[in-house]
Protein backbone atom coordinates (compact mmCIF):
# COMPACT_ATOMS: atom_id res chain seq x y z
CA UNK A 1 8.61 -69.12 3.28
CA UNK A 2 5.97 -66.97 2.16
CA UNK A 3 5.60 -65.72 -1.32
CA UNK A 4 7.09 -62.17 -1.98
CA UNK A 5 4.49 -60.34 -3.68
CA UNK A 6 5.14 -57.59 -6.54
CA UNK A 7 3.39 -54.89 -5.25
CA UNK A 8 3.93 -51.31 -6.87
CA UNK A 9 3.96 -48.02 -5.02
CA UNK A 10 3.07 -45.39 -7.63
CA UNK A 11 -0.56 -45.64 -7.70
CA UNK A 12 -2.14 -42.43 -7.10
CA UNK A 13 -5.68 -42.72 -8.42
CA UNK A 14 -8.44 -44.52 -8.76
CA UNK A 15 -8.11 -46.07 -12.03
CA UNK A 16 -4.62 -46.68 -11.39
CA UNK A 17 -5.53 -48.72 -8.02
CA UNK A 18 -8.04 -50.89 -9.67
CA UNK A 19 -5.97 -51.78 -12.62
CA UNK A 20 -3.47 -52.82 -10.23
CA UNK A 21 -5.91 -54.84 -8.00
CA UNK A 22 -7.06 -56.74 -10.78
CA UNK A 23 -3.30 -57.55 -12.17
CA UNK A 24 -2.34 -58.24 -8.92
CA UNK A 25 -5.77 -60.87 -8.21
CA UNK A 26 -4.93 -62.23 -11.61
CA UNK A 27 -1.21 -63.01 -10.78
CA UNK A 28 -1.32 -64.37 -7.34
CA UNK A 29 -5.11 -65.84 -7.02
CA UNK A 30 -5.80 -67.01 -10.76
CA UNK A 31 -7.69 -70.47 -8.92
CA UNK A 32 -9.54 -68.17 -6.29
CA UNK A 33 -11.30 -65.49 -8.24
CA UNK A 34 -11.36 -65.14 -11.68
CA UNK A 35 -14.96 -63.08 -12.59
CA UNK A 36 -13.57 -59.76 -13.36
CA UNK A 37 -16.85 -58.68 -15.17
CA UNK A 38 -18.10 -55.16 -13.78
CA UNK A 39 -21.35 -56.48 -12.08
CA UNK A 40 -19.34 -58.88 -10.27
CA UNK A 41 -19.21 -59.00 -6.52
CA UNK A 42 -15.79 -59.49 -6.41
CA UNK A 43 -15.48 -56.03 -8.19
CA UNK A 44 -17.23 -54.19 -6.08
CA UNK A 45 -14.88 -55.04 -3.07
CA UNK A 46 -11.75 -54.02 -5.60
CA UNK A 47 -13.45 -50.86 -6.30
CA UNK A 48 -14.08 -49.81 -2.75
CA UNK A 49 -10.26 -50.48 -2.15
CA UNK A 50 -9.59 -48.61 -5.19
CA UNK A 51 -12.01 -45.81 -3.68
CA UNK A 52 -10.49 -45.86 -0.31
CA UNK A 53 -7.01 -45.46 -1.54
CA UNK A 54 -7.55 -42.47 -4.09
CA UNK A 55 -9.08 -40.29 -1.18
CA UNK A 56 -6.08 -41.33 1.08
CA UNK A 57 -4.05 -39.98 -1.73
CA UNK A 58 -5.65 -37.00 -2.32
CA UNK A 59 -5.65 -36.29 1.41
CA UNK A 60 -2.03 -36.45 1.61
CA UNK A 61 -1.21 -34.85 -1.38
CA UNK A 62 -3.70 -31.91 0.65
CA UNK A 63 -1.59 -32.40 4.15
CA UNK A 64 1.72 -32.01 1.65
CA UNK A 65 0.57 -28.90 -0.07
CA UNK A 66 -0.48 -26.94 3.43
CA UNK A 67 3.17 -27.31 4.66
CA UNK A 68 4.31 -25.14 1.82
CA UNK A 69 3.48 -21.09 1.82
CA UNK A 70 3.81 -21.22 -1.53
CA UNK A 71 0.75 -23.45 -1.90
CA UNK A 72 -1.19 -23.27 1.15
CA UNK A 73 -4.83 -22.44 0.67
CA UNK A 74 -6.15 -23.10 4.10
CA UNK A 75 -5.81 -19.52 5.82
CA UNK A 76 -5.43 -21.01 9.40
CA UNK A 77 -2.16 -22.99 8.05
CA UNK A 78 -1.30 -19.75 5.93
CA UNK A 79 -1.00 -17.92 9.51
CA UNK A 80 0.65 -20.11 11.22
CA UNK A 81 3.29 -19.98 8.64
CA UNK A 82 3.37 -16.37 8.49
CA UNK A 83 3.96 -16.21 12.00
CA UNK A 84 6.74 -19.03 11.49
CA UNK A 85 8.31 -16.52 8.77
CA UNK A 86 8.41 -13.28 10.76
CA UNK A 87 5.39 -11.66 9.39
CA UNK A 88 2.08 -10.64 11.51
CA UNK A 89 -0.72 -10.80 9.47
CA UNK A 90 -3.40 -7.84 9.33
CA UNK A 91 -6.61 -8.66 9.80
CA UNK A 92 -7.35 -4.57 9.27
CA UNK A 93 -4.95 -1.71 8.62
CA UNK A 94 -5.92 1.87 10.25
CA UNK A 95 -5.82 4.90 8.39
CA UNK A 96 -3.68 7.93 9.38
CA UNK A 97 -4.18 11.52 9.28
CA UNK A 98 -1.91 14.77 9.89
CA UNK A 99 -4.30 16.81 12.36
CA UNK A 100 -3.79 20.33 12.19
CA UNK A 101 -4.94 21.68 16.51
CA UNK A 102 -5.23 25.24 16.99
CA UNK A 103 -5.74 27.29 19.78
CA UNK A 104 -6.43 31.04 20.80
CA UNK A 105 -4.91 32.84 23.53
CA UNK A 106 -4.98 36.49 24.35
CA UNK A 107 -1.72 38.75 24.15
CA UNK A 108 -0.32 39.73 27.25
CA UNK A 109 -0.79 43.74 27.61
CA UNK A 110 1.87 45.82 28.14
CA UNK A 111 5.39 46.41 25.70
CA UNK A 112 5.61 42.77 24.89
CA UNK A 113 2.22 41.78 23.79
CA UNK A 114 3.73 38.14 23.69
CA UNK A 115 1.13 35.16 23.62
CA UNK A 116 -0.13 34.47 27.24
CA UNK A 117 0.93 30.94 27.69
CA UNK A 118 -0.50 30.46 30.80
CA UNK A 119 -3.43 29.91 29.01
CA UNK A 120 -2.05 27.43 26.65
CA UNK A 121 -3.28 23.85 27.14
CA UNK A 122 -2.43 20.32 26.60
CA UNK A 123 -4.68 18.10 24.74
CA UNK A 124 -3.65 14.31 26.44
CA UNK A 125 -2.93 11.44 23.87
CA UNK A 126 -5.34 8.86 23.05
CA UNK A 127 -8.10 11.80 22.69
CA UNK A 128 -10.96 10.97 19.86
CA UNK A 129 -12.11 13.15 17.20
CA UNK A 130 -14.46 12.26 14.37
CA UNK A 131 -15.08 12.78 10.64
CA UNK A 132 -17.94 14.46 9.57
CA UNK A 133 -17.91 12.64 6.34
CA UNK A 134 -20.02 9.09 5.36
CA UNK A 135 -19.43 6.41 8.42
CA UNK A 136 -18.36 9.36 10.82
CA UNK A 137 -14.91 7.23 11.43
CA UNK A 138 -13.41 8.28 14.84
CA UNK A 139 -9.71 8.86 14.92
CA UNK A 140 -7.37 9.03 17.93
CA UNK A 141 -4.74 11.25 18.31
CA UNK A 142 -1.52 9.56 18.98
CA UNK A 143 1.08 11.82 21.13
CA UNK A 144 0.47 14.41 23.46
CA UNK A 145 -0.20 17.96 22.30
CA UNK A 146 1.43 20.20 24.40
CA UNK A 147 1.35 24.14 22.96
CA UNK A 148 3.84 25.16 26.02
CA UNK A 149 6.26 22.81 24.14
CA UNK A 150 8.19 24.14 20.93
CA UNK A 151 11.33 22.40 19.24
CA UNK A 152 12.55 21.87 15.71
CA UNK A 153 10.48 18.33 15.84
CA UNK A 154 7.60 19.56 17.22
CA UNK A 155 7.42 23.09 16.77
CA UNK A 156 4.43 25.53 17.95
CA UNK A 157 3.24 27.83 15.23
CA UNK A 158 2.27 31.44 16.47
CA UNK A 159 0.18 33.65 14.68
CA UNK A 160 -1.86 36.80 15.14
CA UNK A 161 -5.46 36.15 15.39
CA UNK A 162 -6.65 39.58 15.82
CA UNK A 163 -5.63 43.07 16.82
CA UNK A 164 -6.92 46.21 19.63
CA UNK A 165 -7.52 49.54 18.43
CA UNK A 166 -3.68 50.44 18.62
CA UNK A 167 -3.03 48.16 16.08
CA UNK A 168 -1.50 45.67 18.90
CA UNK A 169 -1.90 42.14 18.50
CA UNK A 170 -5.06 41.34 21.05
CA UNK A 171 -5.31 37.13 20.31
CA UNK A 172 -2.55 34.59 18.58
CA UNK A 173 -3.27 31.28 17.35
CA UNK A 174 -0.80 28.39 18.38
CA UNK A 175 -0.96 25.68 15.87
CA UNK A 176 0.74 22.25 15.93
CA UNK A 177 0.52 19.02 13.56
CA UNK A 178 0.08 15.66 15.00
CA UNK A 179 -1.29 12.29 13.83
CA UNK A 180 -4.16 10.68 14.37
CA UNK A 181 -4.96 6.96 13.28
CA UNK A 182 -8.62 5.73 12.75
CA UNK A 183 -10.08 3.39 15.30
CA UNK A 184 -12.22 3.18 18.42
CA UNK A 185 -11.12 2.32 22.01
CA UNK A 186 -12.53 -1.21 23.68
CA UNK A 187 -11.94 -2.52 26.97
CA UNK A 188 -12.10 -6.27 28.27
CA UNK A 189 -11.03 -7.65 31.04
CA UNK A 190 -9.95 -10.74 32.26
CA UNK A 191 -9.60 -12.81 35.72
CA UNK A 192 -6.38 -15.25 36.62
CA UNK A 193 -6.49 -16.84 39.55
CA UNK A 194 -3.58 -19.38 40.23
CA UNK A 195 -0.94 -18.67 37.65
CA UNK A 196 -0.73 -21.04 34.37
CA UNK A 197 2.09 -20.80 32.00
CA UNK A 198 1.75 -19.34 28.87
CA UNK A 199 -1.77 -18.44 30.10
CA UNK A 200 -3.62 -17.10 26.35
CA UNK A 201 -6.79 -14.60 26.52
CA UNK A 202 -8.71 -14.58 23.23
CA UNK A 203 -10.52 -11.56 22.05
CA UNK A 204 -13.49 -12.06 20.14
CA UNK A 205 -14.55 -8.73 18.11
CA UNK A 206 -14.35 -7.33 14.56
CA UNK A 207 -11.54 -5.81 12.97
CA UNK A 208 -9.32 -5.60 15.79
CA UNK A 209 -6.03 -3.51 14.99
CA UNK A 210 -3.81 -4.01 18.04
CA UNK A 211 -3.67 -3.99 21.76
CA UNK A 212 -3.03 -0.24 23.18
CA UNK A 213 -2.10 -1.62 27.09
CA UNK A 214 -3.02 -4.08 29.52
CA UNK A 215 -2.80 -3.04 33.18
CA UNK A 216 -3.51 -5.56 36.17
CA UNK A 217 -5.62 -4.98 39.46
CA UNK A 218 -2.44 -3.05 41.05
CA UNK A 219 -1.84 -0.60 38.70
CA UNK A 220 1.12 -2.27 36.64
CA UNK A 221 1.27 -2.26 33.12
CA UNK A 222 2.14 -5.22 31.12
CA UNK A 223 4.30 -4.28 27.96
CA UNK A 224 3.50 -6.24 24.52
CA UNK A 225 7.07 -7.49 22.88
CA UNK A 226 7.42 -9.30 19.45
CA UNK A 227 8.32 -12.63 21.52
CA UNK A 228 8.67 -13.83 24.84
CA UNK A 229 11.93 -14.38 24.88
CA UNK A 230 12.42 -10.53 24.50
CA UNK A 231 12.96 -9.08 28.17
CA UNK A 232 13.93 -5.78 27.30
CA UNK A 233 12.17 -2.65 25.18
CA UNK A 234 12.85 0.68 24.55
CA UNK A 235 12.03 3.31 27.17
CA UNK A 236 11.44 7.15 25.53
CA UNK A 237 13.20 9.91 27.95
CA UNK A 238 13.09 13.18 27.90
CA UNK A 239 16.26 14.84 27.37
CA UNK A 240 17.19 17.07 29.85
CA UNK A 241 20.91 18.04 28.37
CA UNK A 242 21.77 21.32 26.32
CA UNK A 243 21.13 19.35 23.03
CA UNK A 244 17.20 18.81 23.47
CA UNK A 245 16.30 20.54 20.54
CA UNK A 246 18.08 18.13 18.32
CA UNK A 247 17.66 15.12 20.42
CA UNK A 248 13.89 15.68 22.66
CA UNK A 249 13.89 12.26 24.43
CA UNK A 250 16.43 9.62 25.18
CA UNK A 251 16.90 5.85 24.64
CA UNK A 252 16.95 3.60 27.69
CA UNK A 253 16.32 -0.26 27.80
CA UNK A 254 13.55 -1.12 30.21
CA UNK A 255 13.38 -4.58 31.53
CA UNK A 256 10.01 -6.08 30.92
CA UNK A 257 8.97 -9.27 33.01
CA UNK A 258 5.47 -8.38 32.44
CA UNK A 259 5.08 -8.96 29.18
CA UNK A 260 2.80 -10.55 26.28
CA UNK A 261 2.57 -11.30 22.93
CA UNK A 262 -0.33 -10.86 20.50
CA UNK A 263 -1.33 -12.96 17.61
CA UNK A 264 -4.05 -13.59 15.01
CA UNK A 265 -6.70 -16.36 14.19
CA UNK A 266 -7.46 -17.04 10.71
CA UNK A 267 -11.08 -15.88 12.23
CA UNK A 268 -9.85 -12.39 13.33
CA UNK A 269 -9.38 -13.70 17.04
CA UNK A 270 -6.68 -11.83 18.50
CA UNK A 271 -4.84 -14.18 21.11
CA UNK A 272 -2.80 -12.64 24.02
CA UNK A 273 -0.27 -14.98 25.42
CA UNK A 274 1.65 -14.42 28.47
CA UNK A 275 4.86 -15.55 30.26
CA UNK A 276 5.60 -18.78 32.19
CA UNK A 277 7.43 -17.20 35.07
CA UNK A 278 5.87 -17.59 38.80
CA UNK A 279 8.01 -15.23 40.88
CA UNK A 280 8.06 -11.61 40.33
CA UNK A 281 10.85 -9.16 39.90
CA UNK A 282 11.54 -5.74 39.78
CA UNK A 283 10.73 -3.13 36.69
CA UNK A 284 13.74 -1.31 37.01
CA UNK A 285 15.91 0.23 34.33
CA UNK A 286 19.24 -0.21 33.44
CA UNK A 287 21.84 -0.32 30.87
CA UNK A 288 23.91 -2.98 29.74
CA UNK A 289 27.63 -2.57 29.37
CA UNK A 290 29.53 -5.58 27.91
CA UNK A 291 32.56 -4.58 30.17
CA UNK A 292 30.23 -5.27 33.57
CA UNK A 293 29.58 -8.60 32.27
CA UNK A 294 33.15 -9.63 31.20
CA UNK A 295 35.73 -7.40 31.09
CA UNK A 296 38.56 -7.86 28.17
CA UNK A 297 41.88 -8.49 30.24
CA UNK A 298 45.66 -7.66 28.99
CA UNK A 299 46.50 -11.17 29.70
CA UNK A 300 43.69 -13.03 27.41
CA UNK A 301 42.65 -9.96 25.23
CA UNK A 302 40.36 -11.81 22.83
CA UNK A 303 39.18 -14.53 25.34
CA UNK A 304 35.43 -13.15 24.51
CA UNK A 305 35.75 -11.99 21.52
CA UNK A 306 33.44 -14.14 19.49
CA UNK A 307 30.82 -14.39 22.85
CA UNK A 308 27.53 -12.92 21.32
CA UNK A 309 25.50 -10.88 23.99
CA UNK A 310 21.62 -10.92 22.73
CA UNK A 311 20.42 -7.03 23.62
CA UNK A 312 16.83 -8.68 23.43
CA UNK A 313 17.38 -11.09 26.03
CA UNK A 314 20.31 -9.77 27.85
CA UNK A 315 19.55 -11.35 31.40
CA UNK A 316 19.39 -14.72 29.55
CA UNK A 317 16.31 -15.15 31.22
CA UNK A 318 14.17 -18.83 30.79
CA UNK A 319 10.88 -17.53 31.97
CA UNK A 320 9.95 -16.12 29.21
CA UNK A 321 8.28 -13.68 31.42
CA UNK A 322 5.22 -13.58 34.12
CA UNK A 323 2.52 -15.43 34.25
CA UNK A 324 -0.71 -13.20 35.72
CA UNK A 325 -2.17 -14.68 38.93
CA UNK A 326 -4.59 -13.16 41.62
CA UNK A 327 -5.50 -10.51 39.49
CA UNK A 328 -7.84 -9.17 36.89
CA UNK A 329 -6.08 -7.76 33.61
CA UNK A 330 -7.84 -4.91 32.18
CA UNK A 331 -7.34 -4.62 28.18
CA UNK A 332 -7.41 -1.62 25.86
CA UNK A 333 -7.66 -2.30 22.32
CA UNK A 334 -8.58 -0.80 19.46
CA UNK A 335 -10.67 -1.71 16.40
CA UNK A 336 -11.88 -0.16 13.09
CA UNK A 337 -9.73 0.54 10.23
CA UNK A 338 -10.34 -0.52 6.54
CA UNK A 339 -11.13 0.80 3.56
CA UNK A 340 -14.10 3.39 4.67
CA UNK A 341 -11.89 4.61 7.52
CA UNK A 342 -10.09 6.75 4.74
CA UNK A 343 -11.78 10.57 5.39
CA UNK A 344 -11.85 13.02 2.84
CA UNK A 345 -9.71 16.43 3.31
CA UNK A 346 -11.12 18.95 6.21
CA UNK A 347 -13.49 16.42 7.48
CA UNK A 348 -11.83 15.58 10.83
CA UNK A 349 -13.05 18.47 12.86
CA UNK A 350 -15.53 16.86 15.47
CA UNK A 351 -14.48 16.82 19.09
CA UNK A 352 -15.43 13.13 20.74
CA UNK A 353 -13.87 12.67 24.04
CA UNK A 354 -10.77 14.74 23.68
CA UNK A 355 -9.25 15.23 27.37
CA UNK A 356 -6.97 18.40 28.31
CA UNK A 357 -5.44 20.34 30.92
CA UNK A 358 -8.11 23.09 30.32
CA UNK A 359 -9.36 24.38 33.52
CA UNK A 360 -12.17 26.89 31.40
CA UNK A 361 -14.48 26.33 29.12
CA UNK A 362 -13.14 29.23 27.32
CA UNK A 363 -9.64 27.57 26.31
CA UNK A 364 -11.31 24.51 25.44
CA UNK A 365 -13.81 26.01 22.78
CA UNK A 366 -11.48 27.84 21.26
CA UNK A 367 -9.72 24.26 20.28
CA UNK A 368 -10.07 23.14 17.01
CA UNK A 369 -9.16 19.98 14.73
CA UNK A 370 -8.80 19.77 11.02
CA UNK A 371 -7.43 17.42 8.01
CA UNK A 372 -5.82 19.14 5.24
CA UNK A 373 -5.26 16.35 3.62
CA UNK A 374 -7.57 13.21 3.01
CA UNK A 375 -6.83 10.04 5.82
CA UNK A 376 -5.06 7.30 3.81
CA UNK A 377 -3.86 3.90 4.41
CA UNK A 378 -7.06 2.52 5.67
CA UNK A 379 -7.43 -1.15 4.02
CA UNK A 380 -9.25 -4.35 4.71
CA UNK A 381 -7.25 -7.36 5.99
CA UNK A 382 -4.78 -9.81 4.26
CA UNK A 383 -5.95 -11.71 1.28
CA UNK A 384 -5.20 -15.31 1.02
CA UNK A 385 -2.48 -14.04 -1.65
CA UNK A 386 -1.20 -10.96 -0.21
CA UNK A 387 -0.21 -13.16 3.15
CA UNK A 388 1.60 -15.31 1.21
CA UNK A 389 3.28 -12.79 -0.57
CA UNK A 390 4.22 -10.48 2.51
CA UNK A 391 4.98 -13.83 4.57
CA UNK A 392 7.72 -14.41 1.53
CA UNK A 393 8.99 -10.94 1.40
CA UNK A 394 9.34 -10.78 5.41
CA UNK A 395 11.24 -13.74 5.64
CA UNK A 396 13.48 -12.55 2.98
CA UNK A 397 14.34 -9.48 4.85
CA UNK A 398 14.59 -10.76 8.02
CA UNK A 399 15.11 -7.42 9.61
CA UNK A 400 18.85 -8.29 9.50
CA UNK A 401 22.25 -6.07 10.41
CA UNK A 402 25.24 -7.63 8.75
CA UNK A 403 26.42 -5.67 6.16
CA UNK A 404 27.48 -2.71 5.90
CA UNK A 405 24.68 -1.28 4.03
CA UNK A 406 22.15 -2.87 6.58
CA UNK A 407 24.16 -0.77 9.26
CA UNK A 408 23.50 2.34 7.26
CA UNK A 409 20.02 1.93 6.63
CA UNK A 410 19.57 0.82 10.26
CA UNK A 411 21.45 4.01 11.09
CA UNK A 412 19.20 6.68 9.25
CA UNK A 413 16.03 4.66 10.71
CA UNK A 414 16.20 5.70 14.01
CA UNK A 415 12.83 7.16 15.49
CA UNK A 416 12.86 10.96 15.08
CA UNK A 417 12.42 11.45 18.75
CA UNK A 418 16.03 10.06 19.59
CA UNK A 419 17.49 12.34 17.17
CA UNK A 420 17.91 12.69 13.53
CA UNK A 421 20.89 11.06 11.49
CA UNK A 422 21.70 12.75 8.34
CA UNK A 423 24.44 11.24 7.01
CA UNK A 424 25.79 7.72 8.01
CA UNK A 425 28.99 6.20 6.63
CA UNK A 426 30.42 2.75 7.81
CA UNK A 427 33.43 1.32 7.30
CA UNK A 428 36.32 -1.55 8.26
CA UNK A 429 39.09 0.52 7.87
CA UNK A 430 40.46 2.05 11.24
CA UNK A 431 43.34 4.22 11.77
CA UNK A 432 45.48 2.11 13.38
CA UNK A 433 47.03 5.11 15.70
CA UNK A 434 43.49 5.83 17.24
CA UNK A 435 43.47 1.91 18.81
CA UNK A 436 43.55 2.16 22.61
CA UNK A 437 42.63 -1.11 23.35
CA UNK A 438 42.27 -4.93 22.68
CA UNK A 439 38.59 -4.62 21.89
CA UNK A 440 39.25 -1.55 19.23
CA UNK A 441 41.20 -4.33 16.90
CA UNK A 442 38.15 -6.47 16.99
CA UNK A 443 38.64 -7.91 13.08
CA UNK A 444 34.66 -8.10 13.59
CA UNK A 445 33.78 -4.63 14.25
CA UNK A 446 32.64 -1.90 12.01
CA UNK A 447 33.11 2.08 11.89
CA UNK A 448 30.08 4.49 12.29
CA UNK A 449 30.34 7.78 11.12
CA UNK A 450 27.24 10.28 11.35
CA UNK A 451 26.67 13.80 10.62
CA UNK A 452 23.20 15.41 12.04
CA UNK A 453 21.34 18.60 11.16
CA UNK A 454 21.23 21.51 13.29
CA UNK A 455 17.81 23.67 13.42
CA UNK A 456 18.12 25.48 10.29
CA UNK A 457 19.23 22.36 8.28
CA UNK A 458 22.57 22.61 8.00
CA UNK A 459 25.20 19.49 8.90
CA UNK A 460 26.56 19.51 11.78
CA UNK A 461 28.59 16.84 14.57
CA UNK A 462 26.43 14.81 16.32
CA UNK A 463 25.88 15.42 19.91
CA UNK A 464 26.79 12.72 22.41
CA UNK A 465 23.24 12.29 23.10
CA UNK A 466 22.50 11.20 19.54
CA UNK A 467 25.06 8.97 19.60
CA UNK A 468 24.54 7.43 22.59
CA UNK A 469 20.81 6.94 21.44
CA UNK A 470 21.98 5.21 18.21
CA UNK A 471 24.72 3.10 20.19
CA UNK A 472 21.63 1.16 22.10
CA UNK A 473 19.06 1.34 19.16
CA UNK A 474 21.57 -0.86 17.08
CA UNK A 475 21.84 -3.25 19.54
């Protein structure tokens, strides 16, 4: 029977390994080898084995360290851990600025002397203007500027520019404010033959901010989602109801079988990944209603009360989106940003590529742009420590909606184009007289009460459009 060797597993460094190997040889091979002089040939083999053990221990410690976000140092590992924690690392951050857009129009002759709205033009989104400061940073207008449209959320200011001999208005200046973001629009294409599950496209460029849009050869749009399992996104529709001054847009849920996700590598390369589905389907809009899935009947009123329907994957799809095939995708993405894009005030005035509805250069020549305040927010990419801290912060937040305070914050965070919630109050207490169905008696339900502002800033009862938008947003 083989002799049991007394082996210790606590050695971690070269000296410990060498000392233990010498003791091991003295204990178990006293007759075979007993020359432990530093110059002896046998000591060379003992020291080489100790060297290998020291190196293996180092890499073992390093690999373990790289699995913890608090101690990882390798940027590639930090990026993977950040995405796992729900944080999207930033290669660069774009600067933003409030741009004052102005246009001159003539006054209508006659008794009214009101602005001639037929001369008012529309500046399309993604129009480009430049800064005259050092660096000549480009800025992109994110939203459409329509001087003919005015509401409490998107007002058109009117002031007299000049008067005629009778001191009647001759010209007006129309002005609007819009947000512009620093960056340059770039375009690349990628051709797909046969469908490939989870196909990935790499965009190698410097300072990539984000993907603007992806369009295939048939003109169909692919939509970016936070994760491929999410098959619906919010779609903005113009509100034609009587409360459109308070709620300019209606929120719809749109099914997006053509979708993709983006992520960055530690080298600044953007990866665009598509789904695994092969068979196409329509992009029809729909309004999910739990009662269309399973009604809470009178016989078994609470049989489905603990059933959780995921609004981000309401159809329980398993394909994670379609895989592109037999098509060429045109990808437009934004580059730029950084500290150098923080332009000073009154410097973003130069027109670059401005697309408008103007048919006469006279109207276009009166169009001006200016940033009355400096552009800010431009920043270089995350450092190693910033990436670590932002990832820990993102994981602790988790974008949750569990407590009553969470629901209050989410209600007040409704995007302004879908209406503005002035006051919100969430409670678990109900008026028992108002309970009309078994669904209302759900012990896990919450009651949310909201108020809104009118055009003069006074509190009013929230309109039905605002309530419907908030319901869809909270899901």
